[in-house]
């Protein structure tokens, strides 16, 4: 099934959907935000017959996954009508909106460019650059009307990747190492532990309360974290985040290396070309061109391990090469999104769906968000495209690559 999508024409280098707003870092370094409802309003005016579909697909994904939705779509005719409407909208909607200075509010300017990563968490905006890490508090009384602070520097080293959860901000600083910090303190400002946890970190991923640190594109260490229950919970976006009831108290109390985690699997570490993870599994691009997903088991009081059964995923081909190395990866419900040099691909239901066919600046997904968990935002030169993923599991298919732009499909035997 195709994604629903629309495009915003704006000169931006970063985009992030959070707390009912679209946050942008413009080419001139300005940090801005625009209410997502205003953008949706323009889209509805252009396609009024798809109004309700547009609202649940781009603004209220929670309406498609709650208990009421299960009952409603459990009625066969209701689900059939929804699918038909989705198919019609995906063929018909070709909407571009020009965003100008009247459509957004400027918060501040980034002190140093280029921006290397962006993360929003607990009503705060974090910006990573070559010169350090910066924090903006959104200061919302009703968690919708924003009163952002100016940009404040919180860490003085190159930041290549940011992650956040359970009261911790996880900072990858490449050859400077892996760092972490928290704002759960008397100052209510982010304070970073200056002692690195690992000597190198290019990116990280979460696995429950634990952190996976990648020091290479094809290797990682798994850090087990100790947590405790907290009484005073941080301020979260009511649109995005569940209130976390635990915080990390001991970061990296124990560590597993990749070799030990693979001891029961059919994968040889030396044959991995690129890997990444979701909360419960690992994704591996192999040197022979295959792409597999394997579950991670976490038995109580026993060593965790990747299981022996591999789930094969579709393989893209590029001329003579069977394998295209990812530039970035991200997680969506029941799948993942992979950014390659010249395309963006959604992997779900044994299909690789090519959703973008030109180079991107960055690709973001929002798997932990309440309302935007089905969205993918793709930032390119002079435009941002917002995709909404079909919310239901499709029928099982043989491994297939689908290119919607060129109307082609390739099925694996």
Protein backbone atom coordinates (compact mmCIF):
# COMPACT_ATOMS: atom_id res chain seq x y z
CA UNK A 1 0.00 0.00 0.00
CA UNK A 2 1.32 3.46 -0.88
CA UNK A 3 1.94 6.08 1.77
CA UNK A 4 -0.16 9.24 1.94
CA UNK A 5 2.08 12.28 1.58
CA UNK A 6 2.33 16.02 1.13
CA UNK A 7 5.29 18.35 0.57
CA UNK A 8 6.32 21.64 2.20
CA UNK A 9 8.50 23.98 0.14
CA UNK A 10 10.97 25.55 2.58
CA UNK A 11 14.75 25.98 2.78
CA UNK A 12 15.42 23.82 5.85
CA UNK A 13 18.20 21.46 6.90
CA UNK A 14 16.31 19.79 9.76
CA UNK A 15 12.68 18.96 10.54
CA UNK A 16 11.04 17.35 13.58
CA UNK A 17 7.35 16.76 14.44
CA UNK A 18 6.67 17.17 18.15
CA UNK A 19 3.94 18.37 20.50
CA UNK A 20 1.53 19.45 17.76
CA UNK A 21 4.18 21.44 15.89
CA UNK A 22 6.63 21.11 13.05
CA UNK A 23 10.06 22.32 14.18
CA UNK A 24 12.54 23.45 11.54
CA UNK A 25 16.12 24.58 11.40
CA UNK A 26 16.37 26.78 8.34
CA UNK A 27 19.29 27.11 5.98
CA UNK A 28 20.11 30.50 7.57
CA UNK A 29 20.42 28.87 11.03
CA UNK A 30 17.07 30.03 12.45
CA UNK A 31 15.28 27.63 14.79
CA UNK A 32 11.54 27.87 14.06
CA UNK A 33 8.22 26.11 14.67
CA UNK A 34 4.82 26.04 13.01
CA UNK A 35 1.55 24.57 14.35
CA UNK A 36 0.90 21.32 12.52
CA UNK A 37 -2.84 22.04 12.66
CA UNK A 38 -2.38 25.04 10.34
CA UNK A 39 -0.64 22.85 7.78
CA UNK A 40 -3.32 20.16 8.06
CA UNK A 41 -6.01 22.84 7.63
CA UNK A 42 -4.50 23.85 4.27
CA UNK A 43 -4.35 20.22 3.20
CA UNK A 44 -8.00 19.60 4.18
CA UNK A 45 -9.11 22.69 2.23
CA UNK A 46 -7.42 21.26 -0.87
CA UNK A 47 -8.90 17.76 -0.43
CA UNK A 48 -12.14 18.15 1.59
CA UNK A 49 -13.47 14.71 0.68
CA UNK A 50 -10.47 13.15 2.48
CA UNK A 51 -10.77 15.39 5.56
CA UNK A 52 -11.23 12.69 8.21
CA UNK A 53 -8.63 10.41 6.63
CA UNK A 54 -6.12 13.27 6.53
CA UNK A 55 -6.70 14.15 10.18
CA UNK A 56 -6.24 10.62 11.53
CA UNK A 57 -3.34 9.86 9.17
CA UNK A 58 -1.26 12.99 9.84
CA UNK A 59 -2.48 14.37 13.16
CA UNK A 60 -4.15 11.64 15.26
CA UNK A 61 -2.47 8.29 14.64
CA UNK A 62 -3.65 7.23 18.10
CA UNK A 63 -7.23 7.04 16.76
CA UNK A 64 -6.07 4.18 14.50
CA UNK A 65 -4.51 2.03 17.22
CA UNK A 66 -6.63 2.44 20.37
CA UNK A 67 -9.27 0.07 21.72
CA UNK A 68 -12.10 1.89 19.93
CA UNK A 69 -10.27 1.49 16.61
CA UNK A 70 -9.88 -2.24 17.19
CA UNK A 71 -13.65 -2.57 17.64
CA UNK A 72 -14.52 -0.25 14.75
CA UNK A 73 -12.15 -1.79 12.22
CA UNK A 74 -13.06 -5.26 13.44
CA UNK A 75 -16.18 -4.78 11.34
CA UNK A 76 -15.11 -6.05 7.92
CA UNK A 77 -17.02 -3.50 5.83
CA UNK A 78 -15.62 -0.61 7.85
CA UNK A 79 -12.05 -1.72 7.29
CA UNK A 80 -12.73 -2.38 3.60
CA UNK A 81 -14.11 1.14 3.14
CA UNK A 82 -11.06 2.61 4.90
CA UNK A 83 -8.69 0.69 2.63
CA UNK A 84 -10.55 1.85 -0.48
CA UNK A 85 -10.44 5.48 0.70
CA UNK A 86 -6.70 5.18 1.46
CA UNK A 87 -6.00 3.78 -2.01
CA UNK A 88 -7.97 6.60 -3.63
CA UNK A 89 -6.25 9.31 -1.57
CA UNK A 90 -2.76 7.89 -2.18
CA UNK A 91 -3.32 8.14 -5.95
CA UNK A 92 -4.97 11.57 -5.93
CA UNK A 93 -3.15 13.62 -3.28
CA UNK A 94 -0.26 15.62 -4.77
CA UNK A 95 -0.15 18.64 -2.50
CA UNK A 96 2.64 21.21 -2.06
CA UNK A 97 2.54 24.01 0.48
CA UNK A 98 4.92 26.96 0.37
CA UNK A 99 6.04 27.88 3.90
CA UNK A 100 7.15 31.50 4.31
CA UNK A 101 8.05 33.67 7.31
CA UNK A 102 4.36 34.24 8.10
CA UNK A 103 3.84 30.51 8.66
CA UNK A 104 6.36 29.96 11.45
CA UNK A 105 7.70 31.53 14.64
CA UNK A 106 11.44 32.08 15.10
CA UNK A 107 12.86 30.87 18.44
CA UNK A 108 16.51 31.79 18.01
CA UNK A 109 19.51 31.11 15.81
CA UNK A 110 21.84 28.13 16.10
CA UNK A 111 25.20 29.47 17.34
CA UNK A 112 27.21 27.17 15.08
CA UNK A 113 26.47 25.41 11.81
CA UNK A 114 26.14 22.80 10.46
CA UNK A 115 23.63 21.02 12.69
CA UNK A 116 24.51 17.33 12.97
CA UNK A 117 21.45 16.04 14.85
CA UNK A 118 18.22 17.11 16.51
CA UNK A 119 16.22 15.47 19.31
CA UNK A 120 13.02 16.51 21.11
CA UNK A 121 12.13 15.02 24.47
CA UNK A 122 10.21 16.04 27.61
CA UNK A 123 9.24 19.46 26.18
CA UNK A 124 12.85 20.27 25.30
CA UNK A 125 14.73 20.66 22.04
CA UNK A 126 18.33 19.45 21.78
CA UNK A 127 20.62 20.48 18.92
CA UNK A 128 23.95 18.80 18.21
CA UNK A 129 26.70 20.48 16.18
CA UNK A 130 30.46 20.40 15.69
CA UNK A 131 30.87 22.84 18.58
CA UNK A 132 28.63 21.17 21.15
CA UNK A 133 25.12 20.43 22.43
CA UNK A 134 22.43 23.11 22.84
CA UNK A 135 19.15 23.04 24.77
CA UNK A 136 15.85 24.91 24.31
CA UNK A 137 13.06 24.57 26.89
CA UNK A 138 9.63 24.83 25.30
CA UNK A 139 7.94 26.13 28.50
CA UNK A 140 4.31 25.32 27.77
CA UNK A 141 1.60 25.75 30.40
CA UNK A 142 -0.93 23.70 28.45
CA UNK A 143 1.72 21.73 26.52
CA UNK A 144 0.48 23.22 23.27
CA UNK A 145 1.06 26.97 23.49
CA UNK A 146 4.82 27.30 23.50
CA UNK A 147 7.06 29.89 25.17
CA UNK A 148 10.53 28.69 24.16
CA UNK A 149 13.73 29.88 25.80
CA UNK A 150 16.75 30.99 23.83
CA UNK A 151 19.35 28.43 22.79
CA UNK A 152 21.72 27.52 25.66
CA UNK A 153 24.93 25.52 25.36
CA UNK A 154 25.10 22.45 27.64
CA UNK A 155 28.05 20.40 26.35
CA UNK A 156 31.33 21.44 24.77
CA UNK A 157 32.27 18.72 22.26
CA UNK A 158 31.23 17.60 18.78
CA UNK A 159 27.81 15.89 18.79
CA UNK A 160 27.05 13.48 15.94
CA UNK A 161 23.96 11.70 17.30
CA UNK A 162 21.39 12.27 20.06
CA UNK A 163 19.00 9.94 21.85
CA UNK A 164 16.75 10.46 24.87
CA UNK A 165 14.63 8.37 27.21
CA UNK A 166 14.02 7.70 30.92
CA UNK A 167 15.38 11.08 31.97
CA UNK A 168 18.69 10.63 30.12
CA UNK A 169 20.13 12.39 27.08
CA UNK A 170 22.54 10.09 25.24
CA UNK A 171 25.29 11.86 23.29
CA UNK A 172 27.45 10.32 20.57
CA UNK A 173 30.62 12.35 20.06
CA UNK A 174 32.42 10.12 17.53
CA UNK A 175 36.09 9.71 18.55
CA UNK A 176 35.48 11.77 21.72
CA UNK A 177 33.30 8.96 23.03
CA UNK A 178 29.81 8.20 24.40
CA UNK A 179 28.37 10.58 27.01
CA UNK A 180 25.12 10.93 28.90
CA UNK A 181 23.40 13.53 31.07
CA UNK A 182 20.13 14.38 32.77
CA UNK A 183 17.97 17.41 33.53
CA UNK A 184 16.39 15.69 36.55
CA UNK A 185 18.28 17.88 39.00
CA UNK A 186 17.78 21.01 41.08
CA UNK A 187 18.76 23.35 38.22
CA UNK A 188 16.25 21.75 35.78
CA UNK A 189 18.96 22.16 33.12
CA UNK A 190 20.77 19.39 31.30
CA UNK A 191 24.01 18.48 33.07
CA UNK A 192 26.29 16.12 31.13
CA UNK A 193 28.65 13.67 32.84
CA UNK A 194 32.04 14.71 31.45
CA UNK A 195 33.46 11.18 31.78
CA UNK A 196 32.87 9.14 28.64
CA UNK A 197 31.26 5.69 28.89
CA UNK A 198 32.93 4.45 25.71
CA UNK A 199 35.94 5.71 23.73
CA UNK A 200 33.97 6.00 20.49
CA UNK A 201 30.31 6.43 19.51
CA UNK A 202 28.86 7.25 16.10
CA UNK A 203 25.22 6.52 17.01
CA UNK A 204 23.06 4.75 19.60
CA UNK A 205 19.80 2.83 19.87
CA UNK A 206 17.45 1.90 22.71
CA UNK A 207 16.52 -1.61 23.81
CA UNK A 208 14.04 -1.16 26.64
CA UNK A 209 15.91 0.66 29.43
CA UNK A 210 19.26 -0.27 27.89
CA UNK A 211 21.46 1.52 25.33
CA UNK A 212 23.22 0.02 22.33
CA UNK A 213 26.33 1.95 21.32
CA UNK A 214 27.69 1.69 17.78
CA UNK A 215 31.41 2.45 17.53
CA UNK A 216 31.37 1.23 13.92
CA UNK A 217 28.59 0.85 11.35
CA UNK A 218 28.85 -2.94 11.72
CA UNK A 219 29.62 -3.37 15.44
CA UNK A 220 28.17 -2.39 18.81
CA UNK A 221 28.23 -2.91 22.58
CA UNK A 222 25.07 -3.42 24.63
CA UNK A 223 24.98 -1.38 27.88
CA UNK A 224 22.67 -2.62 30.64
CA UNK A 225 21.24 0.24 32.74
CA UNK A 226 19.90 0.18 36.30
CA UNK A 227 16.68 2.12 36.94
CA UNK A 228 14.49 3.25 39.81
CA UNK A 229 10.87 4.37 40.12
CA UNK A 230 10.37 8.13 40.32
CA UNK A 231 7.58 10.08 42.00
CA UNK A 232 7.99 13.44 40.25
CA UNK A 233 7.75 12.79 36.56
CA UNK A 234 9.22 15.26 34.03
CA UNK A 235 6.90 17.38 31.90
CA UNK A 236 6.04 15.50 28.73
CA UNK A 237 4.16 16.40 25.57
CA UNK A 238 0.60 15.14 25.86
CA UNK A 239 0.67 14.69 22.09
CA UNK A 240 3.76 12.50 21.93
CA UNK A 241 5.05 10.84 25.04
CA UNK A 242 3.87 8.46 27.68
CA UNK A 243 4.83 9.60 31.17
CA UNK A 244 7.86 7.51 32.11
CA UNK A 245 7.74 6.19 35.66
CA UNK A 246 11.38 5.15 35.88
CA UNK A 247 14.71 6.90 35.47
CA UNK A 248 18.20 5.54 34.82
CA UNK A 249 20.36 5.59 37.95
CA UNK A 250 23.39 3.56 36.85
CA UNK A 251 24.37 3.84 33.18
CA UNK A 252 26.19 0.82 31.79
CA UNK A 253 26.29 -1.29 34.94
CA UNK A 254 27.08 -4.26 32.67
CA UNK A 255 28.16 -4.60 29.04
CA UNK A 256 27.71 -7.24 26.33
CA UNK A 257 29.72 -7.18 23.14
CA UNK A 258 28.20 -8.15 19.78
CA UNK A 259 30.08 -11.46 19.54
CA UNK A 260 28.56 -12.77 22.77
CA UNK A 261 25.05 -11.74 21.72
CA UNK A 262 25.47 -13.60 18.40
CA UNK A 263 26.67 -16.84 20.02
CA UNK A 264 23.35 -18.66 19.38
CA UNK A 265 22.56 -17.04 16.04
CA UNK A 266 23.41 -18.05 12.47
CA UNK A 267 25.16 -14.72 11.83
CA UNK A 268 28.94 -14.39 11.75
CA UNK A 269 30.13 -11.03 13.02
CA UNK A 270 32.82 -10.78 10.33
CA UNK A 271 30.12 -10.96 7.62
CA UNK A 272 28.12 -7.94 8.87
CA UNK A 273 28.31 -4.83 6.71
CA UNK A 274 25.87 -2.57 8.61
CA UNK A 275 23.57 -3.11 11.58
CA UNK A 276 20.96 -1.30 13.67
CA UNK A 277 18.28 -2.21 16.18
CA UNK A 278 14.73 -1.79 17.42
CA UNK A 279 13.79 -2.32 21.05
CA UNK A 280 13.40 -6.07 20.61
CA UNK A 281 15.45 -7.09 17.57
CA UNK A 282 18.50 -6.47 15.40
CA UNK A 283 18.69 -5.67 11.69
CA UNK A 284 21.77 -6.81 9.75
CA UNK A 285 22.93 -6.01 6.22
CA UNK A 286 25.39 -8.78 5.33
CA UNK A 287 28.41 -8.70 3.03
CA UNK A 288 26.78 -11.29 0.75
CA UNK A 289 23.96 -8.81 0.03
CA UNK A 290 21.31 -10.33 2.30
CA UNK A 291 19.27 -8.29 4.80
CA UNK A 292 17.97 -10.09 7.90
CA UNK A 293 16.11 -9.32 11.10
CA UNK A 294 16.56 -11.43 14.26
CA UNK A 295 14.87 -11.22 17.65
CA UNK A 296 16.78 -10.43 20.82
CA UNK A 297 15.88 -12.60 23.82
CA UNK A 298 16.30 -11.25 27.36
CA UNK A 299 15.80 -14.12 29.83
CA UNK A 300 15.62 -13.09 33.49
CA UNK A 301 18.90 -13.61 35.32
CA UNK A 302 20.51 -15.10 32.21
CA UNK A 303 22.66 -13.78 29.39
CA UNK A 304 20.67 -12.22 26.57
CA UNK A 305 21.14 -13.44 23.01
CA UNK A 306 19.98 -13.17 19.41
CA UNK A 307 17.91 -16.20 18.41
CA UNK A 308 18.95 -18.68 15.72
CA UNK A 309 16.03 -17.96 13.36
CA UNK A 310 16.66 -15.24 10.75
CA UNK A 311 13.79 -13.32 9.14
CA UNK A 312 14.81 -12.45 5.58
CA UNK A 313 13.97 -8.99 4.21
CA UNK A 314 13.83 -7.87 0.55
CA UNK A 315 17.09 -6.95 -1.18
CA UNK A 316 17.50 -3.87 -3.34
CA UNK A 317 19.65 -4.05 -6.44
CA UNK A 318 21.62 -1.24 -8.04
CA UNK A 319 23.08 -2.25 -11.40
CA UNK A 320 25.70 -4.90 -10.70
CA UNK A 321 25.63 -4.40 -6.94
CA UNK A 322 23.23 -6.52 -4.91
CA UNK A 323 23.80 -4.38 -1.86
CA UNK A 324 23.29 -0.70 -1.13
CA UNK A 325 24.86 0.50 2.13
CA UNK A 326 22.51 2.63 4.27
CA UNK A 327 23.26 6.24 5.14
CA UNK A 328 20.79 6.17 8.05
CA UNK A 329 18.11 3.93 9.53
CA UNK A 330 15.06 4.43 11.75
CA UNK A 331 12.25 2.36 13.23
CA UNK A 332 8.52 2.42 12.42
CA UNK A 333 5.72 0.14 13.72
CA UNK A 334 6.30 -3.39 12.40
CA UNK A 335 9.30 -2.34 10.32
CA UNK A 336 12.02 0.16 9.53
CA UNK A 337 12.99 2.96 7.16
CA UNK A 338 16.37 2.96 5.42
CA UNK A 339 17.94 6.00 3.76
CA UNK A 340 20.27 5.20 0.87
CA UNK A 341 22.27 7.64 -1.23
CA UNK A 342 19.55 8.07 -3.86
CA UNK A 343 16.36 6.74 -2.25
CA UNK A 344 14.38 6.15 0.95
CA UNK A 345 12.87 2.71 1.50
CA UNK A 346 10.15 1.53 3.89
CA UNK A 347 10.47 -2.13 4.92
CA UNK A 348 7.19 -3.69 6.11
CA UNK A 349 5.21 -6.90 5.58
CA UNK A 350 7.91 -8.61 3.50
CA UNK A 351 7.99 -5.63 1.15
CA UNK A 352 10.58 -2.96 0.47
CA UNK A 353 8.56 0.07 -0.60
CA UNK A 354 10.59 2.81 -2.29
CA UNK A 355 8.94 6.04 -1.04
CA UNK A 356 11.55 8.61 -2.18
CA UNK A 357 13.72 8.46 -5.29
CA UNK A 358 16.24 11.28 -4.76
CA UNK A 359 18.90 12.13 -2.14
CA UNK A 360 17.77 13.39 1.29
CA UNK A 361 19.39 15.54 3.96
CA UNK A 362 17.82 13.47 6.74
CA UNK A 363 14.94 11.10 7.48
CA UNK A 364 13.02 10.96 10.77
CA UNK A 365 10.41 8.64 12.27
CA UNK A 366 8.49 8.89 15.54
CA UNK A 367 7.94 5.34 16.89
CA UNK A 368 7.47 6.39 20.54
CA UNK A 369 5.01 9.18 19.73
CA UNK A 370 1.32 8.77 20.54
CA UNK A 371 -0.08 10.81 17.67
CA UNK A 372 2.67 10.71 15.05
CA UNK A 373 4.00 7.15 15.26
CA UNK A 374 3.03 6.39 11.63
CA UNK A 375 4.75 9.46 10.16
CA UNK A 376 8.02 9.76 8.25
CA UNK A 377 9.51 13.20 7.59
CA UNK A 378 12.06 13.45 4.78
CA UNK A 379 14.07 16.68 4.55
CA UNK A 380 15.58 17.50 1.16
CA UNK A 381 17.08 20.53 -0.46
CA UNK A 382 14.29 23.17 -0.55
CA UNK A 383 11.48 20.82 0.61
CA UNK A 384 10.18 18.48 3.29
CA UNK A 385 7.86 15.56 2.52
CA UNK A 386 5.66 14.10 5.26
CA UNK A 387 4.57 10.49 4.69
CA UNK A 388 1.88 8.61 6.61
CA UNK A 389 2.24 4.82 6.66
CA UNK A 390 -0.75 2.53 6.06
CA UNK A 391 -1.76 1.70 9.66
CA UNK A 392 -2.77 -1.95 9.32
CA UNK A 393 -0.80 -5.09 8.67
CA UNK A 394 -1.15 -6.04 5.04
CA UNK A 395 -1.52 -9.62 3.81
CA UNK A 396 1.68 -11.65 3.79
CA UNK A 397 3.54 -11.51 0.49
CA UNK A 398 6.66 -13.15 -0.91
CA UNK A 399 9.70 -10.88 -0.53
CA UNK A 400 9.00 -7.97 -2.86
CA UNK A 401 10.55 -4.62 -3.80
CA UNK A 402 7.96 -2.07 -4.93
CA UNK A 403 8.88 1.15 -6.73
CA UNK A 404 5.71 3.28 -6.82
CA UNK A 405 7.32 6.09 -8.80
CA UNK A 406 8.22 3.81 -11.71
CA UNK A 407 5.26 1.47 -11.18
CA UNK A 408 7.45 -1.62 -10.96
CA UNK A 409 7.73 -4.57 -8.57
CA UNK A 410 10.36 -7.28 -8.17
CA UNK A 411 9.48 -10.50 -6.36
CA UNK A 412 12.06 -12.87 -4.87
CA UNK A 413 11.77 -16.61 -5.41
